[in-house]
Amino acid sequence: LVATITGGGSTNYADSVKGRFTISR
């Protein structure tokens, strides 16, 4: 897993990509 985003916009990131990757929808 790299990143997830819920229907409500809550996000979660793998530690290895935090601060560098941004998921959006």
PDB file of all heavy atoms in Angstrom:
ATOM      1  N   LEU A   1       0.835  -1.194   0.000  1.00  0.00           N
ATOM      2  CA  LEU A   1       0.000   0.000   0.000  1.00  0.00           C
ATOM      3  C   LEU A   1       0.871   1.244   0.000  1.00  0.00           C
ATOM      4  O   LEU A   1       1.848   1.331   0.742  1.00  0.00           O
ATOM      5  CB  LEU A   1      -0.927  -0.002   1.217  1.00  0.00           C
ATOM      6  CG  LEU A   1      -1.948   1.134   1.327  1.00  0.00           C
ATOM      7  CD1 LEU A   1      -3.214   0.628   2.004  1.00  0.00           C
ATOM      8  CD2 LEU A   1      -1.374   2.305   2.125  1.00  0.00           C
ATOM      9  N   VAL A   2       0.510   2.196  -0.828  1.00  0.00           N
ATOM     10  CA  VAL A   2       1.194   3.480  -0.879  1.00  0.00           C
ATOM     11  C   VAL A   2       0.361   4.549  -0.190  1.00  0.00           C
ATOM     12  O   VAL A   2       0.839   5.258   0.695  1.00  0.00           O
ATOM     13  CB  VAL A   2       1.501   3.895  -2.325  1.00  0.00           C
ATOM     14  CG1 VAL A   2       2.137   5.283  -2.362  1.00  0.00           C
ATOM     15  CG2 VAL A   2       2.411   2.872  -2.995  1.00  0.00           C
ATOM     16  N   ALA A   3      -0.882   4.674  -0.609  1.00  0.00           N
ATOM     17  CA  ALA A   3      -1.762   5.689  -0.045  1.00  0.00           C
ATOM     18  C   ALA A   3      -3.204   5.322  -0.323  1.00  0.00           C
ATOM     19  O   ALA A   3      -3.512   4.692  -1.333  1.00  0.00           O
ATOM     20  CB  ALA A   3      -1.456   7.073  -0.623  1.00  0.00           C
ATOM     21  N   THR A   4      -4.076   5.715   0.574  1.00  0.00           N
ATOM     22  CA  THR A   4      -5.503   5.518   0.381  1.00  0.00           C
ATOM     23  C   THR A   4      -6.245   6.796   0.709  1.00  0.00           C
ATOM     24  O   THR A   4      -5.755   7.646   1.451  1.00  0.00           O
ATOM     25  CB  THR A   4      -6.054   4.380   1.258  1.00  0.00           C
ATOM     26  OG1 THR A   4      -5.830   4.680   2.641  1.00  0.00           O
ATOM     27  CG2 THR A   4      -5.402   3.050   0.905  1.00  0.00           C
ATOM     28  N   ILE A   5      -7.433   6.898   0.155  1.00  0.00           N
ATOM     29  CA  ILE A   5      -8.292   8.032   0.451  1.00  0.00           C
ATOM     30  C   ILE A   5      -9.726   7.540   0.498  1.00  0.00           C
ATOM     31  O   ILE A   5     -10.177   6.806  -0.372  1.00  0.00           O
ATOM     32  CB  ILE A   5      -8.109   9.169  -0.586  1.00  0.00           C
ATOM     33  CG1 ILE A   5      -8.952  10.383  -0.202  1.00  0.00           C
ATOM     34  CG2 ILE A   5      -8.429   8.689  -1.998  1.00  0.00           C
ATOM     35  CD1 ILE A   5      -8.583  11.637  -0.987  1.00  0.00           C
ATOM     36  N   THR A   6     -10.442   7.915   1.532  1.00  0.00           N
ATOM     37  CA  THR A   6     -11.822   7.505   1.684  1.00  0.00           C
ATOM     38  C   THR A   6     -12.733   8.422   0.895  1.00  0.00           C
ATOM     39  O   THR A   6     -12.321   9.453   0.370  1.00  0.00           O
ATOM     40  CB  THR A   6     -12.239   7.516   3.157  1.00  0.00           C
ATOM     41  OG1 THR A   6     -12.284   8.872   3.628  1.00  0.00           O
ATOM     42  CG2 THR A   6     -11.272   6.715   4.014  1.00  0.00           C
ATOM     43  N   GLY A   7     -13.998   8.030   0.829  1.00  0.00           N
ATOM     44  CA  GLY A   7     -14.964   8.876   0.159  1.00  0.00           C
ATOM     45  C   GLY A   7     -15.105  10.232   0.805  1.00  0.00           C
ATOM     46  O   GLY A   7     -15.445  11.211   0.137  1.00  0.00           O
ATOM     47  N   GLY A   8     -14.844  10.299   2.098  1.00  0.00           N
ATOM     48  CA  GLY A   8     -14.907  11.552   2.818  1.00  0.00           C
ATOM     49  C   GLY A   8     -13.639  12.372   2.764  1.00  0.00           C
ATOM     50  O   GLY A   8     -13.597  13.477   3.317  1.00  0.00           O
ATOM     51  N   GLY A   9     -12.600  11.833   2.124  1.00  0.00           N
ATOM     52  CA  GLY A   9     -11.377  12.586   1.952  1.00  0.00           C
ATOM     53  C   GLY A   9     -10.283  12.299   2.961  1.00  0.00           C
ATOM     54  O   GLY A   9      -9.220  12.934   2.908  1.00  0.00           O
ATOM     55  N   SER A  10     -10.514  11.370   3.877  1.00  0.00           N
ATOM     56  CA  SER A  10      -9.470  11.009   4.823  1.00  0.00           C
ATOM     57  C   SER A  10      -8.382  10.227   4.116  1.00  0.00           C
ATOM     58  O   SER A  10      -8.664   9.330   3.325  1.00  0.00           O
ATOM     59  CB  SER A  10     -10.047  10.190   5.975  1.00  0.00           C
ATOM     60  OG  SER A  10     -10.995  10.941   6.709  1.00  0.00           O
ATOM     61  N   THR A  11      -7.139  10.545   4.420  1.00  0.00           N
ATOM     62  CA  THR A  11      -6.012   9.925   3.729  1.00  0.00           C
ATOM     63  C   THR A  11      -5.137   9.137   4.673  1.00  0.00           C
ATOM     64  O   THR A  11      -5.097   9.387   5.879  1.00  0.00           O
ATOM     65  CB  THR A  11      -5.157  10.976   3.017  1.00  0.00           C
ATOM     66  OG1 THR A  11      -4.675  11.932   3.979  1.00  0.00           O
ATOM     67  CG2 THR A  11      -5.975  11.711   1.961  1.00  0.00           C
ATOM     68  N   ASN A  12      -4.432   8.186   4.103  1.00  0.00           N
ATOM     69  CA  ASN A  12      -3.489   7.373   4.838  1.00  0.00           C
ATOM     70  C   ASN A  12      -2.322   7.068   3.923  1.00  0.00           C
ATOM     71  O   ASN A  12      -2.512   6.785   2.743  1.00  0.00           O
ATOM     72  CB  ASN A  12      -4.149   6.083   5.325  1.00  0.00           C
ATOM     73  CG  ASN A  12      -3.210   5.205   6.125  1.00  0.00           C
ATOM     74  OD1 ASN A  12      -2.647   4.243   5.613  1.00  0.00           O
ATOM     75  ND2 ASN A  12      -3.027   5.540   7.388  1.00  0.00           N
ATOM     76  N   TYR A  13      -1.107   7.124   4.470  1.00  0.00           N
ATOM     77  CA  TYR A  13       0.088   6.937   3.675  1.00  0.00           C
ATOM     78  C   TYR A  13       1.018   5.926   4.310  1.00  0.00           C
ATOM     79  O   TYR A  13       1.100   5.816   5.539  1.00  0.00           O
ATOM     80  CB  TYR A  13       0.856   8.245   3.516  1.00  0.00           C
ATOM     81  CG  TYR A  13       0.102   9.334   2.812  1.00  0.00           C
ATOM     82  CD1 TYR A  13      -0.661  10.254   3.524  1.00  0.00           C
ATOM     83  CD2 TYR A  13       0.153   9.448   1.428  1.00  0.00           C
ATOM     84  CE1 TYR A  13      -1.355  11.255   2.877  1.00  0.00           C
ATOM     85  CE2 TYR A  13      -0.535  10.450   0.776  1.00  0.00           C
ATOM     86  CZ  TYR A  13      -1.285  11.351   1.503  1.00  0.00           C
ATOM     87  OH  TYR A  13      -1.969  12.351   0.857  1.00  0.00           O
ATOM     88  N   ALA A  14       1.729   5.214   3.465  1.00  0.00           N
ATOM     89  CA  ALA A  14       2.821   4.397   3.950  1.00  0.00           C
ATOM     90  C   ALA A  14       3.899   5.302   4.520  1.00  0.00           C
ATOM     91  O   ALA A  14       4.114   6.421   4.039  1.00  0.00           O
ATOM     92  CB  ALA A  14       3.394   3.542   2.818  1.00  0.00           C
ATOM     93  N   ASP A  15       4.578   4.818   5.546  1.00  0.00           N
ATOM     94  CA  ASP A  15       5.615   5.629   6.181  1.00  0.00           C
ATOM     95  C   ASP A  15       6.684   6.070   5.182  1.00  0.00           C
ATOM     96  O   ASP A  15       7.231   7.173   5.298  1.00  0.00           O
ATOM     97  CB  ASP A  15       6.269   4.856   7.323  1.00  0.00           C
ATOM     98  CG  ASP A  15       5.352   4.697   8.519  1.00  0.00           C
ATOM     99  OD1 ASP A  15       4.388   5.473   8.645  1.00  0.00           O
ATOM    100  OD2 ASP A  15       5.604   3.792   9.336  1.00  0.00           O
ATOM    101  N   SER A  16       6.960   5.235   4.213  1.00  0.00           N
ATOM    102  CA  SER A  16       8.026   5.514   3.268  1.00  0.00           C
ATOM    103  C   SER A  16       7.728   6.682   2.333  1.00  0.00           C
ATOM    104  O   SER A  16       8.645   7.222   1.717  1.00  0.00           O
ATOM    105  CB  SER A  16       8.332   4.265   2.429  1.00  0.00           C
ATOM    106  OG  SER A  16       7.192   3.837   1.717  1.00  0.00           O
ATOM    107  N   VAL A  17       6.462   7.074   2.234  1.00  0.00           N
ATOM    108  CA  VAL A  17       6.101   8.147   1.310  1.00  0.00           C
ATOM    109  C   VAL A  17       5.512   9.360   2.002  1.00  0.00           C
ATOM    110  O   VAL A  17       5.231  10.369   1.337  1.00  0.00           O
ATOM    111  CB  VAL A  17       5.127   7.657   0.221  1.00  0.00           C
ATOM    112  CG1 VAL A  17       5.683   6.437  -0.491  1.00  0.00           C
ATOM    113  CG2 VAL A  17       3.751   7.361   0.815  1.00  0.00           C
ATOM    114  N   LYS A  18       5.332   9.293   3.297  1.00  0.00           N
ATOM    115  CA  LYS A  18       4.761  10.420   4.028  1.00  0.00           C
ATOM    116  C   LYS A  18       5.605  11.676   3.841  1.00  0.00           C
ATOM    117  O   LYS A  18       6.822  11.640   3.945  1.00  0.00           O
ATOM    118  CB  LYS A  18       4.645  10.089   5.512  1.00  0.00           C
ATOM    119  CG  LYS A  18       3.531   9.122   5.847  1.00  0.00           C
ATOM    120  CD  LYS A  18       3.459   8.850   7.347  1.00  0.00           C
ATOM    121  CE  LYS A  18       2.330   7.891   7.679  1.00  0.00           C
ATOM    122  NZ  LYS A  18       2.286   7.571   9.126  1.00  0.00           N
ATOM    123  N   GLY A  19       4.928  12.765   3.569  1.00  0.00           N
ATOM    124  CA  GLY A  19       5.604  14.027   3.356  1.00  0.00           C
ATOM    125  C   GLY A  19       6.063  14.243   1.941  1.00  0.00           C
ATOM    126  O   GLY A  19       6.461  15.360   1.584  1.00  0.00           O
ATOM    127  N   ARG A  20       6.033  13.193   1.122  1.00  0.00           N
ATOM    128  CA  ARG A  20       6.471  13.304  -0.260  1.00  0.00           C
ATOM    129  C   ARG A  20       5.342  13.089  -1.255  1.00  0.00           C
ATOM    130  O   ARG A  20       5.318  13.731  -2.302  1.00  0.00           O
ATOM    131  CB  ARG A  20       7.587  12.298  -0.551  1.00  0.00           C
ATOM    132  CG  ARG A  20       8.825  12.489   0.312  1.00  0.00           C
ATOM    133  CD  ARG A  20       9.961  11.583  -0.147  1.00  0.00           C
ATOM    134  NE  ARG A  20       9.613  10.173  -0.035  1.00  0.00           N
ATOM    135  CZ  ARG A  20       9.574   9.326  -1.070  1.00  0.00           C
ATOM    136  NH1 ARG A  20       9.858   9.753  -2.292  1.00  0.00           N
ATOM    137  NH2 ARG A  20       9.270   8.050  -0.871  1.00  0.00           N
ATOM    138  N   PHE A  21       4.436  12.180  -0.937  1.00  0.00           N
ATOM    139  CA  PHE A  21       3.331  11.855  -1.830  1.00  0.00           C
ATOM    140  C   PHE A  21       2.033  12.433  -1.282  1.00  0.00           C
ATOM    141  O   PHE A  21       1.836  12.511  -0.062  1.00  0.00           O
ATOM    142  CB  PHE A  21       3.159  10.346  -1.973  1.00  0.00           C
ATOM    143  CG  PHE A  21       4.264   9.649  -2.720  1.00  0.00           C
ATOM    144  CD1 PHE A  21       5.431  10.306  -3.081  1.00  0.00           C
ATOM    145  CD2 PHE A  21       4.122   8.316  -3.063  1.00  0.00           C
ATOM    146  CE1 PHE A  21       6.443   9.654  -3.767  1.00  0.00           C
ATOM    147  CE2 PHE A  21       5.123   7.652  -3.754  1.00  0.00           C
ATOM    148  CZ  PHE A  21       6.282   8.316  -4.101  1.00  0.00           C
ATOM    149  N   THR A  22       1.145  12.802  -2.183  1.00  0.00           N
ATOM    150  CA  THR A  22      -0.165  13.297  -1.807  1.00  0.00           C
ATOM    151  C   THR A  22      -1.226  12.629  -2.663  1.00  0.00           C
ATOM    152  O   THR A  22      -1.154  12.674  -3.889  1.00  0.00           O
ATOM    153  CB  THR A  22      -0.272  14.822  -1.969  1.00  0.00           C
ATOM    154  OG1 THR A  22       0.727  15.469  -1.172  1.00  0.00           O
ATOM    155  CG2 THR A  22      -1.649  15.310  -1.515  1.00  0.00           C
ATOM    156  N   ILE A  23      -2.188  12.017  -2.017  1.00  0.00           N
ATOM    157  CA  ILE A  23      -3.298  11.405  -2.732  1.00  0.00           C
ATOM    158  C   ILE A  23      -4.497  12.349  -2.669  1.00  0.00           C
ATOM    159  O   ILE A  23      -4.743  12.995  -1.649  1.00  0.00           O
ATOM    160  CB  ILE A  23      -3.651  10.019  -2.155  1.00  0.00           C
ATOM    161  CG1 ILE A  23      -4.677   9.303  -3.039  1.00  0.00           C
ATOM    162  CG2 ILE A  23      -4.132  10.114  -0.717  1.00  0.00           C
ATOM    163  CD1 ILE A  23      -4.897   7.840  -2.652  1.00  0.00           C
ATOM    164  N   SER A  24      -5.209  12.444  -3.761  1.00  0.00           N
ATOM    165  CA  SER A  24      -6.390  13.293  -3.823  1.00  0.00           C
ATOM    166  C   SER A  24      -7.384  12.670  -4.790  1.00  0.00           C
ATOM    167  O   SER A  24      -7.060  11.726  -5.510  1.00  0.00           O
ATOM    168  CB  SER A  24      -6.029  14.720  -4.252  1.00  0.00           C
ATOM    169  OG  SER A  24      -5.454  14.736  -5.545  1.00  0.00           O
ATOM    170  N   ARG A  25      -8.581  13.206  -4.794  1.00  0.00           N
ATOM    171  CA  ARG A  25      -9.592  12.656  -5.690  1.00  0.00           C
ATOM    172  C   ARG A  25     -10.522  13.744  -6.192  1.00  0.00           C
ATOM    173  O   ARG A  25     -10.707  14.783  -5.553  1.00  0.00           O
ATOM    174  CB  ARG A  25     -10.398  11.552  -4.981  1.00  0.00           C
ATOM    175  CG  ARG A  25     -11.205  12.041  -3.780  1.00  0.00           C
ATOM    176  CD  ARG A  25     -11.744  10.861  -2.977  1.00  0.00           C
ATOM    177  NE  ARG A  25     -12.738  10.101  -3.713  1.00  0.00           N
ATOM    178  CZ  ARG A  25     -13.160   8.879  -3.368  1.00  0.00           C
ATOM    179  NH1 ARG A  25     -12.637   8.277  -2.306  1.00  0.00           N
ATOM    180  NH2 ARG A  25     -14.084   8.273  -4.097  1.00  0.00           N
TER     181      ARG A  25
END
